[in-house]
N, C-alpha and C. Protein backbone atom coordinates (compact mmCIF):
# COMPACT_ATOMS: atom_id res chain seq x y z
N MET A 1 -14.48 5.62 7.42
CA MET A 1 -13.17 5.03 7.28
C MET A 1 -13.20 4.05 6.11
N ILE A 2 -12.12 4.05 5.33
CA ILE A 2 -11.96 3.18 4.17
C ILE A 2 -10.63 2.44 4.30
N VAL A 3 -10.66 1.14 3.99
CA VAL A 3 -9.43 0.35 4.00
C VAL A 3 -9.06 0.05 2.55
N GLU A 4 -7.88 0.47 2.18
CA GLU A 4 -7.31 0.14 0.87
C GLU A 4 -6.62 -1.21 1.02
N HIS A 5 -6.87 -2.12 0.10
CA HIS A 5 -6.36 -3.48 0.16
C HIS A 5 -5.67 -3.80 -1.16
N ALA A 6 -4.45 -4.32 -1.08
CA ALA A 6 -3.75 -4.76 -2.29
C ALA A 6 -2.87 -5.96 -1.96
N ILE A 7 -2.88 -6.94 -2.86
CA ILE A 7 -1.94 -8.05 -2.79
C ILE A 7 -0.77 -7.68 -3.69
N LEU A 8 0.41 -7.65 -3.11
CA LEU A 8 1.62 -7.25 -3.83
C LEU A 8 2.48 -8.47 -4.10
N GLN A 9 2.60 -8.85 -5.35
CA GLN A 9 3.47 -9.96 -5.73
C GLN A 9 4.78 -9.35 -6.22
N VAL A 10 5.85 -9.66 -5.51
CA VAL A 10 7.16 -9.07 -5.79
C VAL A 10 7.95 -10.02 -6.69
N ARG A 11 8.73 -9.45 -7.59
CA ARG A 11 9.56 -10.24 -8.50
C ARG A 11 10.48 -11.18 -7.71
N SER A 12 10.72 -12.32 -8.28
CA SER A 12 11.55 -13.35 -7.64
C SER A 12 12.91 -12.80 -7.22
N GLY A 13 13.27 -13.08 -5.98
CA GLY A 13 14.56 -12.66 -5.44
C GLY A 13 14.63 -11.22 -5.00
N GLN A 14 13.50 -10.49 -5.02
CA GLN A 14 13.50 -9.06 -4.73
C GLN A 14 12.85 -8.69 -3.40
N ALA A 15 12.47 -9.68 -2.60
CA ALA A 15 11.72 -9.38 -1.37
C ALA A 15 12.48 -8.46 -0.42
N GLU A 16 13.74 -8.73 -0.19
CA GLU A 16 14.51 -7.91 0.75
C GLU A 16 14.64 -6.47 0.25
N ALA A 17 14.92 -6.30 -1.03
CA ALA A 17 15.03 -4.96 -1.61
C ALA A 17 13.68 -4.25 -1.58
N PHE A 18 12.60 -5.00 -1.83
CA PHE A 18 11.27 -4.42 -1.77
C PHE A 18 10.96 -3.90 -0.37
N GLU A 19 11.27 -4.69 0.65
CA GLU A 19 11.00 -4.27 2.02
C GLU A 19 11.77 -3.00 2.37
N ALA A 20 13.00 -2.91 1.91
CA ALA A 20 13.80 -1.69 2.15
C ALA A 20 13.17 -0.50 1.43
N ALA A 21 12.70 -0.70 0.21
CA ALA A 21 12.06 0.38 -0.55
C ALA A 21 10.75 0.79 0.12
N MET A 22 10.02 -0.17 0.66
CA MET A 22 8.76 0.15 1.34
C MET A 22 9.03 0.99 2.59
N MET A 23 10.09 0.67 3.31
CA MET A 23 10.45 1.47 4.49
C MET A 23 10.76 2.92 4.07
N GLU A 24 11.42 3.07 2.95
CA GLU A 24 11.74 4.40 2.43
C GLU A 24 10.48 5.12 1.96
N ALA A 25 9.54 4.37 1.39
CA ALA A 25 8.33 4.96 0.82
C ALA A 25 7.26 5.27 1.86
N ARG A 26 7.30 4.60 2.99
CA ARG A 26 6.24 4.74 3.99
C ARG A 26 5.94 6.19 4.37
N PRO A 27 6.94 7.04 4.63
CA PRO A 27 6.62 8.44 4.99
C PRO A 27 5.88 9.20 3.89
N LEU A 28 6.04 8.78 2.64
CA LEU A 28 5.36 9.47 1.54
C LEU A 28 3.85 9.35 1.66
N VAL A 29 3.37 8.22 2.13
CA VAL A 29 1.94 8.03 2.31
C VAL A 29 1.51 8.47 3.71
N ALA A 30 2.35 8.23 4.69
CA ALA A 30 1.98 8.51 6.09
C ALA A 30 1.76 10.01 6.34
N ASN A 31 2.34 10.85 5.53
CA ASN A 31 2.21 12.29 5.71
C ASN A 31 1.04 12.89 4.93
N GLN A 32 0.24 12.05 4.30
CA GLN A 32 -0.88 12.54 3.48
C GLN A 32 -2.09 12.89 4.34
N SER A 33 -2.82 13.87 3.90
CA SER A 33 -4.07 14.23 4.55
C SER A 33 -5.04 13.05 4.45
N GLY A 34 -5.67 12.70 5.56
CA GLY A 34 -6.63 11.62 5.58
C GLY A 34 -6.04 10.25 5.86
N PHE A 35 -4.71 10.14 5.87
CA PHE A 35 -4.05 8.86 6.19
C PHE A 35 -4.26 8.54 7.66
N GLN A 36 -4.55 7.26 7.95
CA GLN A 36 -4.70 6.84 9.34
C GLN A 36 -3.68 5.78 9.74
N SER A 37 -3.45 4.77 8.90
CA SER A 37 -2.48 3.74 9.25
C SER A 37 -2.10 2.92 8.02
N ILE A 38 -1.00 2.19 8.15
CA ILE A 38 -0.54 1.31 7.08
C ILE A 38 -0.01 0.02 7.71
N GLU A 39 -0.29 -1.08 7.04
CA GLU A 39 0.25 -2.39 7.43
C GLU A 39 0.77 -3.07 6.18
N LEU A 40 1.89 -3.74 6.31
CA LEU A 40 2.42 -4.58 5.25
C LEU A 40 2.72 -5.93 5.88
N ARG A 41 2.06 -6.97 5.38
CA ARG A 41 2.22 -8.31 5.95
C ARG A 41 2.75 -9.25 4.88
N LYS A 42 3.78 -10.00 5.26
CA LYS A 42 4.39 -10.96 4.36
C LYS A 42 3.62 -12.28 4.42
N SER A 43 3.39 -12.88 3.28
CA SER A 43 2.66 -14.14 3.21
C SER A 43 3.46 -15.27 3.85
N VAL A 44 2.77 -16.16 4.52
CA VAL A 44 3.37 -17.36 5.09
C VAL A 44 3.63 -18.37 3.97
N ASP A 45 2.75 -18.38 2.97
CA ASP A 45 2.82 -19.36 1.89
C ASP A 45 3.78 -19.00 0.76
N ASP A 46 3.99 -17.72 0.56
CA ASP A 46 4.82 -17.24 -0.55
C ASP A 46 5.63 -16.05 -0.04
N PRO A 47 6.94 -16.21 0.17
CA PRO A 47 7.74 -15.13 0.76
C PRO A 47 7.91 -13.90 -0.14
N GLU A 48 7.35 -13.95 -1.33
CA GLU A 48 7.43 -12.79 -2.23
C GLU A 48 6.05 -12.18 -2.48
N ARG A 49 5.09 -12.52 -1.63
CA ARG A 49 3.74 -11.94 -1.72
C ARG A 49 3.44 -11.22 -0.40
N TYR A 50 2.85 -10.05 -0.51
CA TYR A 50 2.55 -9.20 0.65
C TYR A 50 1.11 -8.73 0.58
N LEU A 51 0.56 -8.48 1.75
CA LEU A 51 -0.75 -7.86 1.89
C LEU A 51 -0.51 -6.44 2.38
N LEU A 52 -0.99 -5.47 1.61
CA LEU A 52 -0.90 -4.07 1.99
C LEU A 52 -2.28 -3.58 2.40
N LEU A 53 -2.37 -3.02 3.59
CA LEU A 53 -3.61 -2.43 4.10
C LEU A 53 -3.32 -1.00 4.53
N VAL A 54 -4.02 -0.07 3.93
CA VAL A 54 -3.87 1.34 4.29
C VAL A 54 -5.25 1.85 4.67
N VAL A 55 -5.34 2.46 5.83
CA VAL A 55 -6.61 3.00 6.31
C VAL A 55 -6.62 4.51 6.05
N TRP A 56 -7.70 4.96 5.42
CA TRP A 56 -7.92 6.36 5.08
C TRP A 56 -9.20 6.83 5.74
N ASP A 57 -9.30 8.13 5.98
CA ASP A 57 -10.54 8.67 6.53
C ASP A 57 -11.68 8.54 5.54
N ARG A 58 -11.38 8.66 4.25
CA ARG A 58 -12.38 8.52 3.20
C ARG A 58 -11.68 8.18 1.89
N LEU A 59 -12.40 7.64 0.95
CA LEU A 59 -11.85 7.19 -0.34
C LEU A 59 -11.12 8.32 -1.07
N GLU A 60 -11.69 9.50 -1.04
CA GLU A 60 -11.12 10.62 -1.78
C GLU A 60 -9.72 11.00 -1.29
N SER A 61 -9.43 10.74 -0.03
CA SER A 61 -8.09 11.04 0.50
C SER A 61 -7.03 10.24 -0.24
N HIS A 62 -7.36 9.02 -0.61
CA HIS A 62 -6.41 8.21 -1.37
C HIS A 62 -6.49 8.51 -2.86
N ARG A 63 -7.68 8.38 -3.39
CA ARG A 63 -7.87 8.48 -4.84
C ARG A 63 -7.60 9.88 -5.38
N ASP A 64 -8.16 10.89 -4.74
CA ASP A 64 -8.04 12.25 -5.25
C ASP A 64 -6.92 13.04 -4.57
N GLY A 65 -6.45 12.56 -3.43
CA GLY A 65 -5.36 13.23 -2.71
C GLY A 65 -4.02 12.60 -3.03
N PHE A 66 -3.73 11.47 -2.38
CA PHE A 66 -2.42 10.84 -2.54
C PHE A 66 -2.12 10.46 -3.99
N ARG A 67 -3.07 9.86 -4.68
CA ARG A 67 -2.82 9.41 -6.06
C ARG A 67 -2.57 10.56 -7.03
N GLN A 68 -2.93 11.77 -6.65
CA GLN A 68 -2.70 12.93 -7.51
C GLN A 68 -1.50 13.76 -7.06
N SER A 69 -0.80 13.30 -6.03
CA SER A 69 0.28 14.09 -5.44
C SER A 69 1.65 13.75 -6.03
N SER A 70 2.59 14.65 -5.82
CA SER A 70 3.98 14.39 -6.23
C SER A 70 4.58 13.26 -5.41
N GLU A 71 4.12 13.10 -4.17
CA GLU A 71 4.60 12.00 -3.33
C GLU A 71 4.22 10.65 -3.92
N TYR A 72 3.06 10.58 -4.56
CA TYR A 72 2.65 9.32 -5.20
C TYR A 72 3.60 8.98 -6.35
N GLN A 73 4.06 9.98 -7.08
CA GLN A 73 5.01 9.72 -8.16
C GLN A 73 6.31 9.13 -7.60
N GLN A 74 6.73 9.62 -6.44
CA GLN A 74 7.92 9.05 -5.78
C GLN A 74 7.64 7.63 -5.32
N TRP A 75 6.46 7.39 -4.73
CA TRP A 75 6.02 6.06 -4.30
C TRP A 75 6.10 5.09 -5.48
N ARG A 76 5.53 5.50 -6.60
CA ARG A 76 5.55 4.66 -7.81
C ARG A 76 6.96 4.33 -8.24
N ALA A 77 7.81 5.34 -8.27
CA ALA A 77 9.20 5.13 -8.72
C ALA A 77 9.94 4.15 -7.80
N LEU A 78 9.67 4.23 -6.50
CA LEU A 78 10.32 3.34 -5.54
C LEU A 78 9.79 1.91 -5.58
N LEU A 79 8.48 1.74 -5.75
CA LEU A 79 7.86 0.44 -5.51
C LEU A 79 7.35 -0.30 -6.75
N HIS A 80 6.86 0.39 -7.73
CA HIS A 80 6.24 -0.29 -8.87
C HIS A 80 7.19 -1.20 -9.65
N PRO A 81 8.49 -0.91 -9.72
CA PRO A 81 9.38 -1.85 -10.43
C PRO A 81 9.45 -3.23 -9.80
N PHE A 82 9.05 -3.39 -8.56
CA PHE A 82 9.11 -4.68 -7.88
C PHE A 82 7.93 -5.60 -8.22
N TYR A 83 6.82 -5.06 -8.70
CA TYR A 83 5.59 -5.83 -8.83
C TYR A 83 5.52 -6.61 -10.14
N ASP A 84 5.08 -7.86 -10.03
CA ASP A 84 4.81 -8.69 -11.19
C ASP A 84 3.79 -9.75 -10.80
N PRO A 85 2.53 -9.53 -11.14
CA PRO A 85 1.95 -8.44 -11.93
C PRO A 85 1.68 -7.21 -11.06
N MET A 86 1.23 -6.16 -11.73
CA MET A 86 0.83 -4.96 -11.00
C MET A 86 -0.37 -5.31 -10.12
N PRO A 87 -0.38 -4.81 -8.89
CA PRO A 87 -1.48 -5.16 -7.98
C PRO A 87 -2.79 -4.47 -8.35
N VAL A 88 -3.86 -5.14 -7.97
CA VAL A 88 -5.20 -4.56 -8.06
C VAL A 88 -5.51 -4.00 -6.68
N VAL A 89 -5.97 -2.76 -6.65
CA VAL A 89 -6.32 -2.10 -5.39
C VAL A 89 -7.84 -2.13 -5.23
N ASN A 90 -8.27 -2.55 -4.05
CA ASN A 90 -9.69 -2.56 -3.71
C ASN A 90 -9.88 -1.75 -2.45
N TYR A 91 -11.11 -1.26 -2.26
CA TYR A 91 -11.44 -0.44 -1.10
C TYR A 91 -12.58 -1.09 -0.34
N TYR A 92 -12.49 -1.04 0.98
CA TYR A 92 -13.49 -1.66 1.84
C TYR A 92 -13.97 -0.66 2.88
N GLU A 93 -15.25 -0.77 3.22
CA GLU A 93 -15.85 0.07 4.25
C GLU A 93 -15.44 -0.42 5.62
N ALA A 94 -15.85 0.31 6.64
CA ALA A 94 -15.58 -0.07 8.03
C ALA A 94 -16.17 -1.45 8.32
N SER A 95 -15.65 -2.09 9.32
CA SER A 95 -16.11 -3.42 9.72
C SER A 95 -17.60 -3.43 10.04
N ILE A 96 -18.25 -4.53 9.70
CA ILE A 96 -19.66 -4.66 10.02
C ILE A 96 -19.87 -5.07 11.47
N PHE A 97 -18.80 -5.46 12.16
CA PHE A 97 -18.88 -5.80 13.57
C PHE A 97 -18.74 -4.54 14.40
N ASP A 98 -19.44 -4.45 15.48
CA ASP A 98 -19.43 -3.27 16.33
C ASP A 98 -18.25 -3.21 17.28
N ASP A 99 -17.57 -4.31 17.52
CA ASP A 99 -16.49 -4.31 18.52
C ASP A 99 -15.22 -3.92 17.91
């Protein structure tokens, strides 16, 4: 299992529109092979910053699957105009805790 992690900084005054676009975009990723779950959390400190966590069965499902798909092009068109700056995506392995 791999967790995709990104901090999304949304342009000023665009949080509500971004959340609506994310709701529209969610099925584009949720229907991908290897997708397990998605979370979007709004920052307590900055109402225009979000934490995106997407769980994949393996890295290739995101990098070589979703990122190469036509659905990703739709995802980009819906969401990328909101970001300033563009987010950095990092990947993390399964938890080191057994519970």
